[in-house]
Amino acid sequence: MGSTPQEAISVSRFVELLKPKLKTSQFFWYLGHVSTVVNTVLYQFFAIFSARTSKKYYNYALLSIVTTYSIVLFQVVRSSKTSIFNVRFLMSNDNFQYLGLAVVWYFVSHYKVISGGLYPFIIFSTFHAANYTKNYILPILPSLSSHTKDHYSAVIQHFISTYNEQSLIIATNCEIYILIQLLLASPLILYYLITNFWLAIVNVIVLVQYACFIKMRYRQSKHTKMLFDGTVYKLEVIVNSGRVPGALVAYYYQLKQQAVQIVNALPV
């Protein structure tokens, strides 16, 4: 059955109201977030069945992330009236930091997929997309009464207000988890130097960049600082519990001292 005249009018009105939004960079920013959510879900789903298909959606998600953060960074640079080549400004901007991760991860994806790497991004994108939908898409949807729109708007607002802060903590936990898994896998770099030189180089690049990223987030994000310090504290409670052999305790503190020296030497 074809659409009724009333339905055709509703759709036509929706398209008419949507057209001005199509001319804004914010709408494409929104599409980037929606695409990030969809492709991350598909990446996780197909990971069960096909590594090749899963990797395709992994790359699509990274391209979506690059798009959204590029748009935001361009707007930030333009509004701040600074140069795009102002390295100090860029390095201190969290949008640039996340953009840098996505760009590097995309280009090295042929060699390495970052396990859990998309989790922080899908969390951010879910809330950004939900907020834009509430403010700009829901009000112009056809065939919905004002009462229904108000109801859905209230549901979305409740979701954002209730879970936004928790989501930031979860995202930060994911970021720390990524660092831990990269550090645990770092001894394999020596093996890759013999068996797969380019994979070794990729692992070094990813690890160094991510260590720089966490160092900057530690300085700028209260969640990162709190959770990172909390993780170290819990680890040292175990180390100092008396149940760990003295040799391992000494090795831990030696390793910690070396790690601090390396982190201090990072160029950020």
C-alpha atoms as a PDB file:
ATOM      1  CA  MET A   1       0.000   0.000   0.000  1.00  0.00           C
ATOM      2  CA  GLY A   2       1.169   3.523  -0.783  1.00  0.00           C
ATOM      3  CA  SER A   3       1.424   6.308   1.741  1.00  0.00           C
ATOM      4  CA  THR A   4      -1.650   8.385   2.489  1.00  0.00           C
ATOM      5  CA  PRO A   5      -1.736  12.088   1.530  1.00  0.00           C
ATOM      6  CA  GLN A   6      -1.410  13.003   5.224  1.00  0.00           C
ATOM      7  CA  GLU A   7       1.680  10.770   5.606  1.00  0.00           C
ATOM      8  CA  ALA A   8       3.200  12.276   2.456  1.00  0.00           C
ATOM      9  CA  ILE A   9       2.664  15.768   3.854  1.00  0.00           C
ATOM     10  CA  SER A  10       4.268  14.765   7.148  1.00  0.00           C
ATOM     11  CA  VAL A  11       7.351  13.327   5.465  1.00  0.00           C
ATOM     12  CA  SER A  12       7.593  16.327   3.156  1.00  0.00           C
ATOM     13  CA  ARG A  13       7.409  18.663   6.145  1.00  0.00           C
ATOM     14  CA  PHE A  14      10.102  16.640   7.947  1.00  0.00           C
ATOM     15  CA  VAL A  15      12.433  16.869   4.936  1.00  0.00           C
ATOM     16  CA  GLU A  16      11.772  20.608   4.701  1.00  0.00           C
ATOM     17  CA  LEU A  17      12.661  21.107   8.371  1.00  0.00           C
ATOM     18  CA  LEU A  18      15.702  18.856   8.066  1.00  0.00           C
ATOM     19  CA  LYS A  19      17.229  20.687   5.085  1.00  0.00           C
ATOM     20  CA  PRO A  20      18.690  23.616   7.085  1.00  0.00           C
ATOM     21  CA  LYS A  21      20.405  21.140   9.395  1.00  0.00           C
ATOM     22  CA  LEU A  22      22.007  19.395   6.417  1.00  0.00           C
ATOM     23  CA  LYS A  23      23.941  22.605   5.778  1.00  0.00           C
ATOM     24  CA  THR A  24      25.569  22.623   9.214  1.00  0.00           C
ATOM     25  CA  SER A  25      28.772  20.885  10.261  1.00  0.00           C
ATOM     26  CA  GLN A  26      27.046  19.885  13.502  1.00  0.00           C
ATOM     27  CA  PHE A  27      24.691  17.588  11.587  1.00  0.00           C
ATOM     28  CA  PHE A  28      27.617  15.720  10.038  1.00  0.00           C
ATOM     29  CA  TRP A  29      29.190  15.598  13.491  1.00  0.00           C
ATOM     30  CA  TYR A  30      25.952  13.928  14.621  1.00  0.00           C
ATOM     31  CA  LEU A  31      26.027  11.463  11.728  1.00  0.00           C
ATOM     32  CA  GLY A  32      29.617  10.637  12.651  1.00  0.00           C
ATOM     33  CA  HIS A  33      28.563   9.743  16.186  1.00  0.00           C
ATOM     34  CA  VAL A  34      25.637   7.642  14.954  1.00  0.00           C
ATOM     35  CA  SER A  35      27.969   5.884  12.523  1.00  0.00           C
ATOM     36  CA  THR A  36      30.468   5.255  15.340  1.00  0.00           C
ATOM     37  CA  VAL A  37      27.788   3.561  17.447  1.00  0.00           C
ATOM     38  CA  VAL A  38      26.411   1.461  14.582  1.00  0.00           C
ATOM     39  CA  ASN A  39      29.795   0.340  13.259  1.00  0.00           C
ATOM     40  CA  THR A  40      31.153  -0.459  16.726  1.00  0.00           C
ATOM     41  CA  VAL A  41      28.123  -2.652  17.423  1.00  0.00           C
ATOM     42  CA  LEU A  42      28.577  -4.391  14.056  1.00  0.00           C
ATOM     43  CA  TYR A  43      32.305  -4.818  14.755  1.00  0.00           C
ATOM     44  CA  GLN A  44      31.552  -6.562  18.042  1.00  0.00           C
ATOM     45  CA  PHE A  45      28.781  -8.681  16.511  1.00  0.00           C
ATOM     46  CA  PHE A  46      30.787  -9.927  13.532  1.00  0.00           C
ATOM     47  CA  ALA A  47      33.834 -10.588  15.727  1.00  0.00           C
ATOM     48  CA  ILE A  48      32.001 -13.795  16.685  1.00  0.00           C
ATOM     49  CA  PHE A  49      31.674 -14.981  13.093  1.00  0.00           C
ATOM     50  CA  SER A  50      34.216 -13.354  10.790  1.00  0.00           C
ATOM     51  CA  ALA A  51      37.459 -11.556  11.641  1.00  0.00           C
ATOM     52  CA  ARG A  52      37.609 -10.029   8.156  1.00  0.00           C
ATOM     53  CA  THR A  53      34.092  -8.572   8.300  1.00  0.00           C
ATOM     54  CA  SER A  54      34.613  -7.453  11.878  1.00  0.00           C
ATOM     55  CA  LYS A  55      37.788  -5.618  10.927  1.00  0.00           C
ATOM     56  CA  LYS A  56      35.940  -3.826   8.124  1.00  0.00           C
ATOM     57  CA  TYR A  57      33.466  -2.346  10.610  1.00  0.00           C
ATOM     58  CA  TYR A  58      36.330  -1.582  13.004  1.00  0.00           C
ATOM     59  CA  ASN A  59      37.864   0.603  10.302  1.00  0.00           C
ATOM     60  CA  TYR A  60      34.496   2.191   9.482  1.00  0.00           C
ATOM     61  CA  ALA A  61      34.100   3.078  13.156  1.00  0.00           C
ATOM     62  CA  LEU A  62      37.567   4.644  13.261  1.00  0.00           C
ATOM     63  CA  LEU A  63      36.812   6.704  10.138  1.00  0.00           C
ATOM     64  CA  SER A  64      33.590   7.887  11.785  1.00  0.00           C
ATOM     65  CA  ILE A  65      35.558   8.875  14.886  1.00  0.00           C
ATOM     66  CA  VAL A  66      38.102  10.749  12.775  1.00  0.00           C
ATOM     67  CA  THR A  67      35.245  12.617  11.084  1.00  0.00           C
ATOM     68  CA  THR A  68      33.543  13.715  14.313  1.00  0.00           C
ATOM     69  CA  TYR A  69      36.712  14.828  16.079  1.00  0.00           C
ATOM     70  CA  SER A  70      38.027  16.596  12.977  1.00  0.00           C
ATOM     71  CA  ILE A  71      34.827  18.632  12.777  1.00  0.00           C
ATOM     72  CA  VAL A  72      34.981  19.574  16.463  1.00  0.00           C
ATOM     73  CA  LEU A  73      38.686  20.393  16.303  1.00  0.00           C
ATOM     74  CA  PHE A  74      38.182  22.609  13.255  1.00  0.00           C
ATOM     75  CA  GLN A  75      35.426  24.519  15.051  1.00  0.00           C
ATOM     76  CA  VAL A  76      37.543  24.880  18.204  1.00  0.00           C
ATOM     77  CA  VAL A  77      40.532  26.175  16.248  1.00  0.00           C
ATOM     78  CA  ARG A  78      38.363  28.606  14.291  1.00  0.00           C
ATOM     79  CA  SER A  79      36.583  29.954  17.376  1.00  0.00           C
ATOM     80  CA  SER A  80      39.839  30.325  19.322  1.00  0.00           C
ATOM     81  CA  LYS A  81      41.396  32.222  16.398  1.00  0.00           C
ATOM     82  CA  THR A  82      44.593  30.234  16.753  1.00  0.00           C
ATOM     83  CA  SER A  83      46.617  28.526  14.055  1.00  0.00           C
ATOM     84  CA  ILE A  84      46.007  24.890  13.155  1.00  0.00           C
ATOM     85  CA  PHE A  85      49.804  24.580  13.386  1.00  0.00           C
ATOM     86  CA  ASN A  86      49.900  25.727  17.022  1.00  0.00           C
ATOM     87  CA  VAL A  87      51.349  22.487  18.397  1.00  0.00           C
ATOM     88  CA  ARG A  88      51.072  23.436  22.074  1.00  0.00           C
ATOM     89  CA  PHE A  89      47.402  24.324  21.676  1.00  0.00           C
ATOM     90  CA  LEU A  90      46.641  21.120  19.784  1.00  0.00           C
ATOM     91  CA  MET A  91      48.476  18.857  22.222  1.00  0.00           C
ATOM     92  CA  SER A  92      46.515  20.293  25.146  1.00  0.00           C
ATOM     93  CA  ASN A  93      43.157  19.825  23.409  1.00  0.00           C
ATOM     94  CA  ASP A  94      41.369  16.576  24.251  1.00  0.00           C
ATOM     95  CA  ASN A  95      39.681  16.465  20.837  1.00  0.00           C
ATOM     96  CA  PHE A  96      43.108  16.415  19.184  1.00  0.00           C
ATOM     97  CA  GLN A  97      44.278  13.710  21.586  1.00  0.00           C
ATOM     98  CA  TYR A  98      41.380  11.392  20.718  1.00  0.00           C
ATOM     99  CA  LEU A  99      41.635  12.260  17.032  1.00  0.00           C
ATOM    100  CA  GLY A 100      45.313  11.291  17.098  1.00  0.00           C
ATOM    101  CA  LEU A 101      44.473   7.889  18.566  1.00  0.00           C
ATOM    102  CA  ALA A 102      41.845   7.174  15.921  1.00  0.00           C
ATOM    103  CA  VAL A 103      44.119   8.242  13.049  1.00  0.00           C
ATOM    104  CA  VAL A 104      47.045   6.089  14.186  1.00  0.00           C
ATOM    105  CA  TRP A 105      44.840   3.102  14.988  1.00  0.00           C
ATOM    106  CA  TYR A 106      43.261   3.309  11.546  1.00  0.00           C
ATOM    107  CA  PHE A 107      46.590   3.362   9.715  1.00  0.00           C
ATOM    108  CA  VAL A 108      48.044   0.472  11.745  1.00  0.00           C
ATOM    109  CA  SER A 109      44.872  -1.641  11.620  1.00  0.00           C
ATOM    110  CA  HIS A 110      46.395  -3.824   8.894  1.00  0.00           C
ATOM    111  CA  TYR A 111      48.894  -5.021  11.507  1.00  0.00           C
ATOM    112  CA  LYS A 112      47.100  -4.515  14.820  1.00  0.00           C
ATOM    113  CA  VAL A 113      43.540  -4.103  16.097  1.00  0.00           C
ATOM    114  CA  ILE A 114      43.366  -2.404  19.497  1.00  0.00           C
ATOM    115  CA  SER A 115      41.285  -4.681  21.714  1.00  0.00           C
ATOM    116  CA  GLY A 116      38.671  -2.585  23.504  1.00  0.00           C
ATOM    117  CA  GLY A 117      39.901   0.533  21.729  1.00  0.00           C
ATOM    118  CA  LEU A 118      36.457   1.497  20.459  1.00  0.00           C
ATOM    119  CA  TYR A 119      34.733   1.234  23.845  1.00  0.00           C
ATOM    120  CA  PRO A 120      35.457   4.788  25.080  1.00  0.00           C
ATOM    121  CA  PHE A 121      34.402   6.204  21.717  1.00  0.00           C
ATOM    122  CA  ILE A 122      31.064   4.377  21.568  1.00  0.00           C
ATOM    123  CA  ILE A 123      30.290   5.626  25.081  1.00  0.00           C
ATOM    124  CA  PHE A 124      31.000   9.248  24.112  1.00  0.00           C
ATOM    125  CA  SER A 125      29.119   8.901  20.815  1.00  0.00           C
ATOM    126  CA  THR A 126      26.031   7.382  22.432  1.00  0.00           C
ATOM    127  CA  PHE A 127      25.527  10.413  24.663  1.00  0.00           C
ATOM    128  CA  HIS A 128      26.374  12.987  21.984  1.00  0.00           C
ATOM    129  CA  ALA A 129      24.008  11.344  19.486  1.00  0.00           C
ATOM    130  CA  ALA A 130      21.240  11.039  22.085  1.00  0.00           C
ATOM    131  CA  ASN A 131      21.516  14.709  23.026  1.00  0.00           C
ATOM    132  CA  TYR A 132      21.443  15.888  19.402  1.00  0.00           C
ATOM    133  CA  THR A 133      18.472  13.627  18.664  1.00  0.00           C
ATOM    134  CA  LYS A 134      16.572  15.094  21.623  1.00  0.00           C
ATOM    135  CA  ASN A 135      17.284  18.698  20.690  1.00  0.00           C
ATOM    136  CA  TYR A 136      17.124  18.688  16.888  1.00  0.00           C
ATOM    137  CA  ILE A 137      15.684  15.477  15.411  1.00  0.00           C
ATOM    138  CA  LEU A 138      12.875  14.554  17.787  1.00  0.00           C
ATOM    139  CA  PRO A 139      11.089  17.949  17.550  1.00  0.00           C
ATOM    140  CA  ILE A 140      10.704  17.651  13.760  1.00  0.00           C
ATOM    141  CA  LEU A 141       9.787  13.962  13.511  1.00  0.00           C
ATOM    142  CA  PRO A 142       6.514  13.459  11.616  1.00  0.00           C
ATOM    143  CA  SER A 143       3.444  11.621  12.893  1.00  0.00           C
ATOM    144  CA  LEU A 144       4.308  12.135  16.562  1.00  0.00           C
ATOM    145  CA  SER A 145       2.125  14.182  18.865  1.00  0.00           C
ATOM    146  CA  SER A 146       3.613  16.889  21.048  1.00  0.00           C
ATOM    147  CA  HIS A 147       2.837  14.760  24.093  1.00  0.00           C
ATOM    148  CA  THR A 148       4.755  11.794  22.652  1.00  0.00           C
ATOM    149  CA  LYS A 149       7.709  13.988  21.719  1.00  0.00           C
ATOM    150  CA  ASP A 150       7.790  15.479  25.204  1.00  0.00           C
ATOM    151  CA  HIS A 151       7.723  11.980  26.690  1.00  0.00           C
ATOM    152  CA  TYR A 152      10.643  10.733  24.581  1.00  0.00           C
ATOM    153  CA  SER A 153      12.546  13.946  25.228  1.00  0.00           C
ATOM    154  CA  ALA A 154      12.131  13.444  28.975  1.00  0.00           C
ATOM    155  CA  VAL A 155      13.284   9.811  28.689  1.00  0.00           C
ATOM    156  CA  ILE A 156      16.421  10.810  26.781  1.00  0.00           C
ATOM    157  CA  GLN A 157      17.155  13.668  29.183  1.00  0.00           C
ATOM    158  CA  HIS A 158      16.754  11.334  32.161  1.00  0.00           C
ATOM    159  CA  PHE A 159      19.151   8.849  30.548  1.00  0.00           C
ATOM    160  CA  ILE A 160      21.752  11.560  29.929  1.00  0.00           C
ATOM    161  CA  SER A 161      21.412  13.156  33.368  1.00  0.00           C
ATOM    162  CA  THR A 162      21.494   9.829  35.202  1.00  0.00           C
ATOM    163  CA  TYR A 163      24.284   8.044  33.377  1.00  0.00           C
ATOM    164  CA  ASN A 164      26.542  10.721  31.865  1.00  0.00           C
ATOM    165  CA  GLU A 165      28.929  10.944  34.824  1.00  0.00           C
ATOM    166  CA  GLN A 166      28.972   7.156  35.235  1.00  0.00           C
ATOM    167  CA  SER A 167      29.703   6.753  31.539  1.00  0.00           C
ATOM    168  CA  LEU A 168      32.770   8.996  31.812  1.00  0.00           C
ATOM    169  CA  ILE A 169      34.108   6.812  34.615  1.00  0.00           C
ATOM    170  CA  ILE A 170      33.467   3.653  32.572  1.00  0.00           C
ATOM    171  CA  ALA A 171      35.185   5.199  29.540  1.00  0.00           C
ATOM    172  CA  THR A 172      38.193   6.119  31.681  1.00  0.00           C
ATOM    173  CA  ASN A 173      38.336   2.571  33.037  1.00  0.00           C
ATOM    174  CA  CYS A 174      38.374   1.334  29.445  1.00  0.00           C
ATOM    175  CA  GLU A 175      41.256   3.692  28.637  1.00  0.00           C
ATOM    176  CA  ILE A 176      43.289   2.397  31.577  1.00  0.00           C
ATOM    177  CA  TYR A 177      42.477  -1.194  30.567  1.00  0.00           C
ATOM    178  CA  ILE A 178      43.868  -0.470  27.096  1.00  0.00           C
ATOM    179  CA  LEU A 179      47.105   0.826  28.635  1.00  0.00           C
ATOM    180  CA  ILE A 180      47.428  -2.275  30.828  1.00  0.00           C
ATOM    181  CA  GLN A 181      46.948  -4.666  27.928  1.00  0.00           C
ATOM    182  CA  LEU A 182      49.461  -2.748  25.786  1.00  0.00           C
ATOM    183  CA  LEU A 183      52.013  -2.883  28.606  1.00  0.00           C
ATOM    184  CA  LEU A 184      51.429  -6.604  29.183  1.00  0.00           C
ATOM    185  CA  ALA A 185      51.926  -7.258  25.474  1.00  0.00           C
ATOM    186  CA  SER A 186      55.058  -5.084  25.236  1.00  0.00           C
ATOM    187  CA  PRO A 187      57.549  -7.968  25.863  1.00  0.00           C
ATOM    188  CA  LEU A 188      56.342  -9.456  22.573  1.00  0.00           C
ATOM    189  CA  ILE A 189      57.965  -6.516  20.781  1.00  0.00           C
ATOM    190  CA  LEU A 190      61.361  -8.209  21.187  1.00  0.00           C
ATOM    191  CA  TYR A 191      59.948 -11.370  19.625  1.00  0.00           C
ATOM    192  CA  TYR A 192      58.389  -9.394  16.767  1.00  0.00           C
ATOM    193  CA  LEU A 193      61.749  -7.739  16.041  1.00  0.00           C
ATOM    194  CA  ILE A 194      62.932 -11.169  14.935  1.00  0.00           C
ATOM    195  CA  THR A 195      59.765 -12.572  13.376  1.00  0.00           C
ATOM    196  CA  ASN A 196      57.851  -9.535  12.079  1.00  0.00           C
ATOM    197  CA  PHE A 197      59.803  -6.277  12.075  1.00  0.00           C
ATOM    198  CA  TRP A 198      56.949  -4.017  10.961  1.00  0.00           C
ATOM    199  CA  LEU A 199      54.611  -5.434  13.595  1.00  0.00           C
ATOM    200  CA  ALA A 200      57.274  -4.611  16.190  1.00  0.00           C
ATOM    201  CA  ILE A 201      57.468  -1.028  14.908  1.00  0.00           C
ATOM    202  CA  VAL A 202      53.665  -0.731  14.969  1.00  0.00           C
ATOM    203  CA  ASN A 203      53.538  -1.969  18.563  1.00  0.00           C
ATOM    204  CA  VAL A 204      56.183   0.556  19.615  1.00  0.00           C
ATOM    205  CA  ILE A 205      54.320   3.421  17.907  1.00  0.00           C
ATOM    206  CA  VAL A 206      50.982   2.434  19.447  1.00  0.00           C
ATOM    207  CA  LEU A 207      52.455   1.986  22.935  1.00  0.00           C
ATOM    208  CA  VAL A 208      54.415   5.265  22.936  1.00  0.00           C
ATOM    209  CA  GLN A 209      51.494   7.256  21.559  1.00  0.00           C
ATOM    210  CA  TYR A 210      49.076   5.739  24.048  1.00  0.00           C
ATOM    211  CA  ALA A 211      51.455   6.360  26.960  1.00  0.00           C
ATOM    212  CA  CYS A 212      51.622  10.023  25.871  1.00  0.00           C
ATOM    213  CA  PHE A 213      47.827  10.078  25.615  1.00  0.00           C
ATOM    214  CA  ILE A 214      47.358   8.715  29.148  1.00  0.00           C
ATOM    215  CA  LYS A 215      49.964  11.146  30.488  1.00  0.00           C
ATOM    216  CA  MET A 216      48.021  14.077  29.009  1.00  0.00           C
ATOM    217  CA  ARG A 217      44.684  12.701  30.200  1.00  0.00           C
ATOM    218  CA  TYR A 218      46.171  12.248  33.694  1.00  0.00           C
ATOM    219  CA  ARG A 219      47.005  15.958  33.758  1.00  0.00           C
ATOM    220  CA  GLN A 220      43.693  17.159  32.366  1.00  0.00           C
ATOM    221  CA  SER A 221      41.008  14.688  33.465  1.00  0.00           C
ATOM    222  CA  LYS A 222      39.965  14.244  37.080  1.00  0.00           C
ATOM    223  CA  HIS A 223      38.512  10.834  36.205  1.00  0.00           C
ATOM    224  CA  THR A 224      41.768   9.590  34.674  1.00  0.00           C
ATOM    225  CA  LYS A 225      43.835  10.823  37.618  1.00  0.00           C
ATOM    226  CA  MET A 226      41.456   9.362  40.193  1.00  0.00           C
ATOM    227  CA  LEU A 227      41.139   5.949  38.546  1.00  0.00           C
ATOM    228  CA  PHE A 228      44.814   5.656  37.619  1.00  0.00           C
ATOM    229  CA  ASP A 229      45.925   6.527  41.153  1.00  0.00           C
ATOM    230  CA  GLY A 230      43.286   4.152  42.509  1.00  0.00           C
ATOM    231  CA  THR A 231      44.543   1.309  40.320  1.00  0.00           C
ATOM    232  CA  VAL A 232      48.139   1.851  41.457  1.00  0.00           C
ATOM    233  CA  TYR A 233      47.013   2.035  45.089  1.00  0.00           C
ATOM    234  CA  LYS A 234      45.116  -1.275  44.871  1.00  0.00           C
ATOM    235  CA  LEU A 235      48.106  -2.921  43.209  1.00  0.00           C
ATOM    236  CA  GLU A 236      50.458  -1.703  45.920  1.00  0.00           C
ATOM    237  CA  VAL A 237      48.117  -2.909  48.664  1.00  0.00           C
ATOM    238  CA  ILE A 238      48.607  -6.401  47.232  1.00  0.00           C
ATOM    239  CA  VAL A 239      52.357  -5.899  46.761  1.00  0.00           C
ATOM    240  CA  ASN A 240      52.793  -4.721  50.364  1.00  0.00           C
ATOM    241  CA  SER A 241      50.420  -7.258  51.911  1.00  0.00           C
ATOM    242  CA  GLY A 242      53.246  -9.515  53.054  1.00  0.00           C
ATOM    243  CA  ARG A 243      52.020 -12.367  50.876  1.00  0.00           C
ATOM    244  CA  VAL A 244      54.254 -11.393  47.952  1.00  0.00           C
ATOM    245  CA  PRO A 245      57.872 -12.646  47.998  1.00  0.00           C
ATOM    246  CA  GLY A 246      60.398  -9.940  48.850  1.00  0.00           C
ATOM    247  CA  ALA A 247      62.240 -10.385  45.559  1.00  0.00           C
ATOM    248  CA  LEU A 248      59.044  -9.646  43.614  1.00  0.00           C
ATOM    249  CA  VAL A 249      58.307  -6.612  45.790  1.00  0.00           C
ATOM    250  CA  ALA A 250      61.790  -5.241  45.097  1.00  0.00           C
ATOM    251  CA  TYR A 251      61.348  -5.956  41.377  1.00  0.00           C
ATOM    252  CA  TYR A 252      57.987  -4.146  41.378  1.00  0.00           C
ATOM    253  CA  TYR A 253      59.420  -0.958  42.867  1.00  0.00           C
ATOM    254  CA  GLN A 254      62.404  -1.103  40.538  1.00  0.00           C
ATOM    255  CA  LEU A 255      60.024  -1.463  37.603  1.00  0.00           C
ATOM    256  CA  LYS A 256      57.868   1.381  38.931  1.00  0.00           C
ATOM    257  CA  GLN A 257      60.892   3.679  39.207  1.00  0.00           C
ATOM    258  CA  GLN A 258      61.905   2.893  35.636  1.00  0.00           C
ATOM    259  CA  ALA A 259      58.339   3.474  34.441  1.00  0.00           C
ATOM    260  CA  VAL A 260      58.252   6.898  36.132  1.00  0.00           C
ATOM    261  CA  GLN A 261      61.533   7.838  34.447  1.00  0.00           C
ATOM    262  CA  ILE A 262      60.195   6.745  31.051  1.00  0.00           C
ATOM    263  CA  VAL A 263      56.918   8.629  31.530  1.00  0.00           C
ATOM    264  CA  ASN A 264      58.786  11.776  32.569  1.00  0.00           C
ATOM    265  CA  ALA A 265      60.871  11.478  29.412  1.00  0.00           C
ATOM    266  CA  LEU A 266      57.813  11.365  27.141  1.00  0.00           C
ATOM    267  CA  PRO A 267      57.674  14.525  24.979  1.00  0.00           C
ATOM    268  CA  VAL A 268      54.334  15.821  26.278  1.00  0.00           C
END
